[in-house]
Amino acid sequence: MNCPSCGKEMQKGEVQSGDLFTNLFKYGEHALWVPQEESGKMLPKSGVPINVIGEGYYCKDCGKIVGIFEERGADFWQ
């Protein structure tokens, strides 16, 4: 993947969010994508739950990281 900021080739890896327990067992934590108009709000009105571990790319040239995360299923909130 090429860096969206500088255009150079990025190194493939993994982005891990959450705590050590979450990363070891892939359980318990969640992340949420929210639309720009909801960004920064304590309780956003809308959003998409996503997995806490995803495909990641790192640009050694400009220090940017890009993550690709899977959406969690609709049963996440149940």
C-alpha atoms as a PDB file:
ATOM      1  CA  MET A   1       0.000   0.000   0.000  1.00  0.00           C
ATOM      2  CA  ASN A   2       1.231   3.496  -0.755  1.00  0.00           C
ATOM      3  CA  CYS A   3       1.047   6.175   1.930  1.00  0.00           C
ATOM      4  CA  PRO A   4      -1.909   8.543   1.432  1.00  0.00           C
ATOM      5  CA  SER A   5       0.230  11.427   2.760  1.00  0.00           C
ATOM      6  CA  CYS A   6       3.563  11.116   0.946  1.00  0.00           C
ATOM      7  CA  GLY A   7       2.938   8.387  -1.646  1.00  0.00           C
ATOM      8  CA  LYS A   8       5.827   6.128  -0.546  1.00  0.00           C
ATOM      9  CA  GLU A   9       5.502   2.369   0.032  1.00  0.00           C
ATOM     10  CA  MET A  10       4.222   1.389   3.493  1.00  0.00           C
ATOM     11  CA  GLN A  11       5.211  -1.609   5.639  1.00  0.00           C
ATOM     12  CA  LYS A  12       2.367  -4.064   6.309  1.00  0.00           C
ATOM     13  CA  GLY A  13       1.602  -5.078   9.889  1.00  0.00           C
ATOM     14  CA  GLU A  14      -1.209  -4.950  12.440  1.00  0.00           C
ATOM     15  CA  VAL A  15      -2.869  -2.191  14.453  1.00  0.00           C
ATOM     16  CA  GLN A  16      -3.820  -3.226  17.987  1.00  0.00           C
ATOM     17  CA  SER A  17      -6.016  -1.034  20.150  1.00  0.00           C
ATOM     18  CA  GLY A  18      -7.258  -1.772  23.657  1.00  0.00           C
ATOM     19  CA  ASP A  19      -5.364  -3.257  26.590  1.00  0.00           C
ATOM     20  CA  LEU A  20      -3.122  -6.333  26.904  1.00  0.00           C
ATOM     21  CA  PHE A  21      -6.016  -8.591  27.970  1.00  0.00           C
ATOM     22  CA  THR A  22      -8.042  -7.525  24.958  1.00  0.00           C
ATOM     23  CA  ASN A  23      -5.193  -8.143  22.547  1.00  0.00           C
ATOM     24  CA  LEU A  24      -4.373 -11.560  24.009  1.00  0.00           C
ATOM     25  CA  PHE A  25      -7.924 -12.852  23.994  1.00  0.00           C
ATOM     26  CA  LYS A  26      -9.553 -10.576  21.386  1.00  0.00           C
ATOM     27  CA  TYR A  27     -12.445 -10.069  23.796  1.00  0.00           C
ATOM     28  CA  GLY A  28     -14.083  -7.321  25.795  1.00  0.00           C
ATOM     29  CA  GLU A  29     -13.024  -4.038  24.236  1.00  0.00           C
ATOM     30  CA  HIS A  30     -14.602  -2.284  21.318  1.00  0.00           C
ATOM     31  CA  ALA A  31     -13.849   0.562  19.003  1.00  0.00           C
ATOM     32  CA  LEU A  32     -16.314   2.737  17.151  1.00  0.00           C
ATOM     33  CA  TRP A  33     -16.160   4.596  13.863  1.00  0.00           C
ATOM     34  CA  VAL A  34     -18.261   7.775  14.016  1.00  0.00           C
ATOM     35  CA  PRO A  35     -19.155  10.245  11.265  1.00  0.00           C
ATOM     36  CA  GLN A  36     -17.221  13.507  11.287  1.00  0.00           C
ATOM     37  CA  GLU A  37     -20.187  15.504  12.617  1.00  0.00           C
ATOM     38  CA  GLU A  38     -20.314  13.213  15.692  1.00  0.00           C
ATOM     39  CA  SER A  39     -16.554  13.301  16.316  1.00  0.00           C
ATOM     40  CA  GLY A  40     -15.574  14.524  19.772  1.00  0.00           C
ATOM     41  CA  LYS A  41     -19.037  14.060  21.292  1.00  0.00           C
ATOM     42  CA  MET A  42     -19.281  12.149  24.571  1.00  0.00           C
ATOM     43  CA  LEU A  43     -22.282  10.129  23.335  1.00  0.00           C
ATOM     44  CA  PRO A  44     -22.375  10.048  19.535  1.00  0.00           C
ATOM     45  CA  LYS A  45     -25.830   9.471  18.026  1.00  0.00           C
ATOM     46  CA  SER A  46     -24.525   7.112  15.362  1.00  0.00           C
ATOM     47  CA  GLY A  47     -21.529   4.925  14.731  1.00  0.00           C
ATOM     48  CA  VAL A  48     -20.259   1.574  13.498  1.00  0.00           C
ATOM     49  CA  PRO A  49     -18.663  -0.853  15.987  1.00  0.00           C
ATOM     50  CA  ILE A  50     -15.358  -2.219  14.695  1.00  0.00           C
ATOM     51  CA  ASN A  51     -12.892  -4.889  15.804  1.00  0.00           C
ATOM     52  CA  VAL A  52     -10.001  -3.677  17.965  1.00  0.00           C
ATOM     53  CA  ILE A  53      -7.330  -5.452  15.908  1.00  0.00           C
ATOM     54  CA  GLY A  54      -6.924  -4.720  12.227  1.00  0.00           C
ATOM     55  CA  GLU A  55      -4.595  -4.753   9.272  1.00  0.00           C
ATOM     56  CA  GLY A  56      -2.122  -1.889   9.488  1.00  0.00           C
ATOM     57  CA  TYR A  57       0.416  -0.088   7.339  1.00  0.00           C
ATOM     58  CA  TYR A  58       3.308   2.070   8.575  1.00  0.00           C
ATOM     59  CA  CYS A  59       5.170   4.700   6.550  1.00  0.00           C
ATOM     60  CA  LYS A  60       8.804   4.953   7.696  1.00  0.00           C
ATOM     61  CA  ASP A  61       9.258   8.121   5.636  1.00  0.00           C
ATOM     62  CA  CYS A  62       6.579  10.339   7.196  1.00  0.00           C
ATOM     63  CA  GLY A  63       5.554   8.359  10.295  1.00  0.00           C
ATOM     64  CA  LYS A  64       1.901   7.865   9.317  1.00  0.00           C
ATOM     65  CA  ILE A  65      -0.073   4.714  10.133  1.00  0.00           C
ATOM     66  CA  VAL A  66      -3.138   3.487   8.247  1.00  0.00           C
ATOM     67  CA  GLY A  67      -5.472   0.902   9.792  1.00  0.00           C
ATOM     68  CA  ILE A  68      -8.082  -1.259   8.104  1.00  0.00           C
ATOM     69  CA  PHE A  69     -10.645  -2.626  10.551  1.00  0.00           C
ATOM     70  CA  GLU A  70     -13.556  -5.028  10.088  1.00  0.00           C
ATOM     71  CA  GLU A  71     -17.028  -3.964  11.132  1.00  0.00           C
ATOM     72  CA  ARG A  72     -18.427  -6.027  13.987  1.00  0.00           C
ATOM     73  CA  GLY A  73     -21.706  -7.797  13.316  1.00  0.00           C
ATOM     74  CA  ALA A  74     -25.130  -6.404  14.165  1.00  0.00           C
ATOM     75  CA  ASP A  75     -25.286  -8.750  17.181  1.00  0.00           C
ATOM     76  CA  PHE A  76     -22.493  -6.739  18.872  1.00  0.00           C
ATOM     77  CA  TRP A  77     -24.989  -4.529  20.753  1.00  0.00           C
ATOM     78  CA  GLN A  78     -27.181  -7.468  21.867  1.00  0.00           C
END
